[in-house]
Amino acid sequence: MNWIHFLLWVAGLYTLYYLAVITIDVAGGNSTPAATSLMHELTFSEKIQTQKMEHQPAEAAPAATGPAVIASGGVPIKELFSLARKELIVYTKSVSY
């Protein structure tokens, strides 16, 4: 059996499966009308009162104890190695070349 025959068999089996599912769905005919399906909706009888909340300003954040952020962009390769020698960057993964 080569790939063409295998793919034809798989396509044929999928076609038969989906035809059977569509035929069963059409022949079933037990679809629920839209008017009766609305009988099962959720309702809540509690009275809800809205409340106005006052804004509480947040306290000043404490200073970070880790290394300061130098920049959000990239750095040249020479600077990268000098930062690594000074142990200012944290390795999380191995570097692949």
C-alpha atoms as a PDB file:
ATOM      1  CA  MET A   1       0.000   0.000   0.000  1.00  0.00           C
ATOM      2  CA  ASN A   2       1.487   3.342  -0.991  1.00  0.00           C
ATOM      3  CA  TRP A   3       0.680   6.825   0.326  1.00  0.00           C
ATOM      4  CA  ILE A   4      -1.905   7.554  -2.360  1.00  0.00           C
ATOM      5  CA  HIS A   5      -3.936   4.446  -1.491  1.00  0.00           C
ATOM      6  CA  PHE A   6      -3.621   5.160   2.220  1.00  0.00           C
ATOM      7  CA  LEU A   7      -4.801   8.755   1.841  1.00  0.00           C
ATOM      8  CA  LEU A   8      -7.697   7.645  -0.381  1.00  0.00           C
ATOM      9  CA  TRP A   9      -8.779   5.118   2.260  1.00  0.00           C
ATOM     10  CA  VAL A  10      -8.585   7.723   5.026  1.00  0.00           C
ATOM     11  CA  ALA A  11     -10.536  10.266   2.949  1.00  0.00           C
ATOM     12  CA  GLY A  12     -13.162   7.623   2.120  1.00  0.00           C
ATOM     13  CA  LEU A  13     -13.594   6.623   5.769  1.00  0.00           C
ATOM     14  CA  TYR A  14     -13.937  10.247   6.875  1.00  0.00           C
ATOM     15  CA  THR A  15     -16.507  10.850   4.134  1.00  0.00           C
ATOM     16  CA  LEU A  16     -18.544   7.830   5.212  1.00  0.00           C
ATOM     17  CA  TYR A  17     -18.353   8.892   8.861  1.00  0.00           C
ATOM     18  CA  TYR A  18     -19.530  12.436   8.191  1.00  0.00           C
ATOM     19  CA  LEU A  19     -22.290  11.238   5.859  1.00  0.00           C
ATOM     20  CA  ALA A  20     -23.516   8.892   8.608  1.00  0.00           C
ATOM     21  CA  VAL A  21     -23.474  11.692  11.193  1.00  0.00           C
ATOM     22  CA  ILE A  22     -25.374  14.065   8.883  1.00  0.00           C
ATOM     23  CA  THR A  23     -27.905  11.361   7.999  1.00  0.00           C
ATOM     24  CA  ILE A  24     -28.545  10.540  11.670  1.00  0.00           C
ATOM     25  CA  ASP A  25     -28.905  14.248  12.463  1.00  0.00           C
ATOM     26  CA  VAL A  26     -31.396  14.859   9.635  1.00  0.00           C
ATOM     27  CA  ALA A  27     -33.366  11.668  10.309  1.00  0.00           C
ATOM     28  CA  GLY A  28     -33.604  12.376  14.042  1.00  0.00           C
ATOM     29  CA  GLY A  29     -36.026  15.268  13.630  1.00  0.00           C
ATOM     30  CA  ASN A  30     -36.372  15.801  17.399  1.00  0.00           C
ATOM     31  CA  SER A  31     -35.308  19.418  17.310  1.00  0.00           C
ATOM     32  CA  THR A  32     -36.654  21.640  20.064  1.00  0.00           C
ATOM     33  CA  PRO A  33     -38.576  24.705  18.874  1.00  0.00           C
ATOM     34  CA  ALA A  34     -37.184  28.051  19.947  1.00  0.00           C
ATOM     35  CA  ALA A  35     -40.318  28.995  21.926  1.00  0.00           C
ATOM     36  CA  THR A  36     -40.048  26.054  24.340  1.00  0.00           C
ATOM     37  CA  SER A  37     -36.287  26.356  24.800  1.00  0.00           C
ATOM     38  CA  LEU A  38     -36.746  29.717  26.570  1.00  0.00           C
ATOM     39  CA  MET A  39     -38.416  28.000  29.524  1.00  0.00           C
ATOM     40  CA  HIS A  40     -35.029  26.991  30.997  1.00  0.00           C
ATOM     41  CA  GLU A  41     -33.476  30.415  31.502  1.00  0.00           C
ATOM     42  CA  LEU A  42     -32.016  31.491  34.827  1.00  0.00           C
ATOM     43  CA  THR A  43     -33.681  34.267  36.809  1.00  0.00           C
ATOM     44  CA  PHE A  44     -32.666  35.834  40.117  1.00  0.00           C
ATOM     45  CA  SER A  45     -35.070  37.421  42.566  1.00  0.00           C
ATOM     46  CA  GLU A  46     -32.642  39.220  44.882  1.00  0.00           C
ATOM     47  CA  LYS A  47     -32.719  42.988  45.099  1.00  0.00           C
ATOM     48  CA  ILE A  48     -29.270  44.394  44.394  1.00  0.00           C
ATOM     49  CA  GLN A  49     -28.341  47.835  45.665  1.00  0.00           C
ATOM     50  CA  THR A  50     -25.421  49.612  44.043  1.00  0.00           C
ATOM     51  CA  GLN A  51     -22.893  51.359  46.237  1.00  0.00           C
ATOM     52  CA  LYS A  52     -20.529  54.158  45.349  1.00  0.00           C
ATOM     53  CA  MET A  53     -16.950  53.354  46.347  1.00  0.00           C
ATOM     54  CA  GLU A  54     -14.355  55.899  47.381  1.00  0.00           C
ATOM     55  CA  HIS A  55     -10.958  55.708  45.690  1.00  0.00           C
ATOM     56  CA  GLN A  56      -8.196  54.862  48.169  1.00  0.00           C
ATOM     57  CA  PRO A  57      -4.792  55.957  46.801  1.00  0.00           C
ATOM     58  CA  ALA A  58      -2.132  53.275  47.049  1.00  0.00           C
ATOM     59  CA  GLU A  59       0.883  53.796  49.291  1.00  0.00           C
ATOM     60  CA  ALA A  60       4.249  54.463  47.676  1.00  0.00           C
ATOM     61  CA  ALA A  61       5.945  51.247  46.594  1.00  0.00           C
ATOM     62  CA  PRO A  62       9.185  50.332  48.416  1.00  0.00           C
ATOM     63  CA  ALA A  63      12.431  50.549  46.473  1.00  0.00           C
ATOM     64  CA  ALA A  64      13.489  47.388  44.668  1.00  0.00           C
ATOM     65  CA  THR A  65      16.394  45.491  46.194  1.00  0.00           C
ATOM     66  CA  GLY A  66      17.547  43.873  42.934  1.00  0.00           C
ATOM     67  CA  PRO A  67      19.681  45.353  40.161  1.00  0.00           C
ATOM     68  CA  ALA A  68      18.377  48.491  38.483  1.00  0.00           C
ATOM     69  CA  VAL A  69      16.874  48.197  35.046  1.00  0.00           C
ATOM     70  CA  ILE A  70      19.336  49.669  32.563  1.00  0.00           C
ATOM     71  CA  ALA A  71      17.194  49.718  29.417  1.00  0.00           C
ATOM     72  CA  SER A  72      14.283  47.947  27.836  1.00  0.00           C
ATOM     73  CA  GLY A  73      16.060  47.443  24.481  1.00  0.00           C
ATOM     74  CA  GLY A  74      18.894  45.207  23.359  1.00  0.00           C
ATOM     75  CA  VAL A  75      22.582  45.637  24.127  1.00  0.00           C
ATOM     76  CA  PRO A  76      25.637  45.085  21.931  1.00  0.00           C
ATOM     77  CA  ILE A  77      27.404  41.732  22.307  1.00  0.00           C
ATOM     78  CA  LYS A  78      30.492  43.291  23.978  1.00  0.00           C
ATOM     79  CA  GLU A  79      28.307  44.947  26.596  1.00  0.00           C
ATOM     80  CA  LEU A  80      26.403  41.703  27.106  1.00  0.00           C
ATOM     81  CA  PHE A  81      29.578  39.826  27.982  1.00  0.00           C
ATOM     82  CA  SER A  82      30.782  42.617  30.254  1.00  0.00           C
ATOM     83  CA  LEU A  83      27.436  42.555  32.085  1.00  0.00           C
ATOM     84  CA  ALA A  84      27.745  38.783  32.423  1.00  0.00           C
ATOM     85  CA  ARG A  85      31.250  39.119  33.898  1.00  0.00           C
ATOM     86  CA  LYS A  86      29.959  41.651  36.430  1.00  0.00           C
ATOM     87  CA  GLU A  87      27.072  39.242  37.213  1.00  0.00           C
ATOM     88  CA  LEU A  88      24.478  41.920  36.492  1.00  0.00           C
ATOM     89  CA  ILE A  89      22.319  39.689  34.303  1.00  0.00           C
ATOM     90  CA  VAL A  90      20.549  36.506  35.306  1.00  0.00           C
ATOM     91  CA  TYR A  91      20.815  33.448  33.084  1.00  0.00           C
ATOM     92  CA  THR A  92      17.502  31.660  32.657  1.00  0.00           C
ATOM     93  CA  LYS A  93      18.314  29.465  29.666  1.00  0.00           C
ATOM     94  CA  SER A  94      21.410  28.244  27.895  1.00  0.00           C
ATOM     95  CA  VAL A  95      22.569  30.286  24.923  1.00  0.00           C
ATOM     96  CA  SER A  96      22.542  28.436  21.619  1.00  0.00           C
ATOM     97  CA  TYR A  97      24.621  29.612  18.687  1.00  0.00           C
END
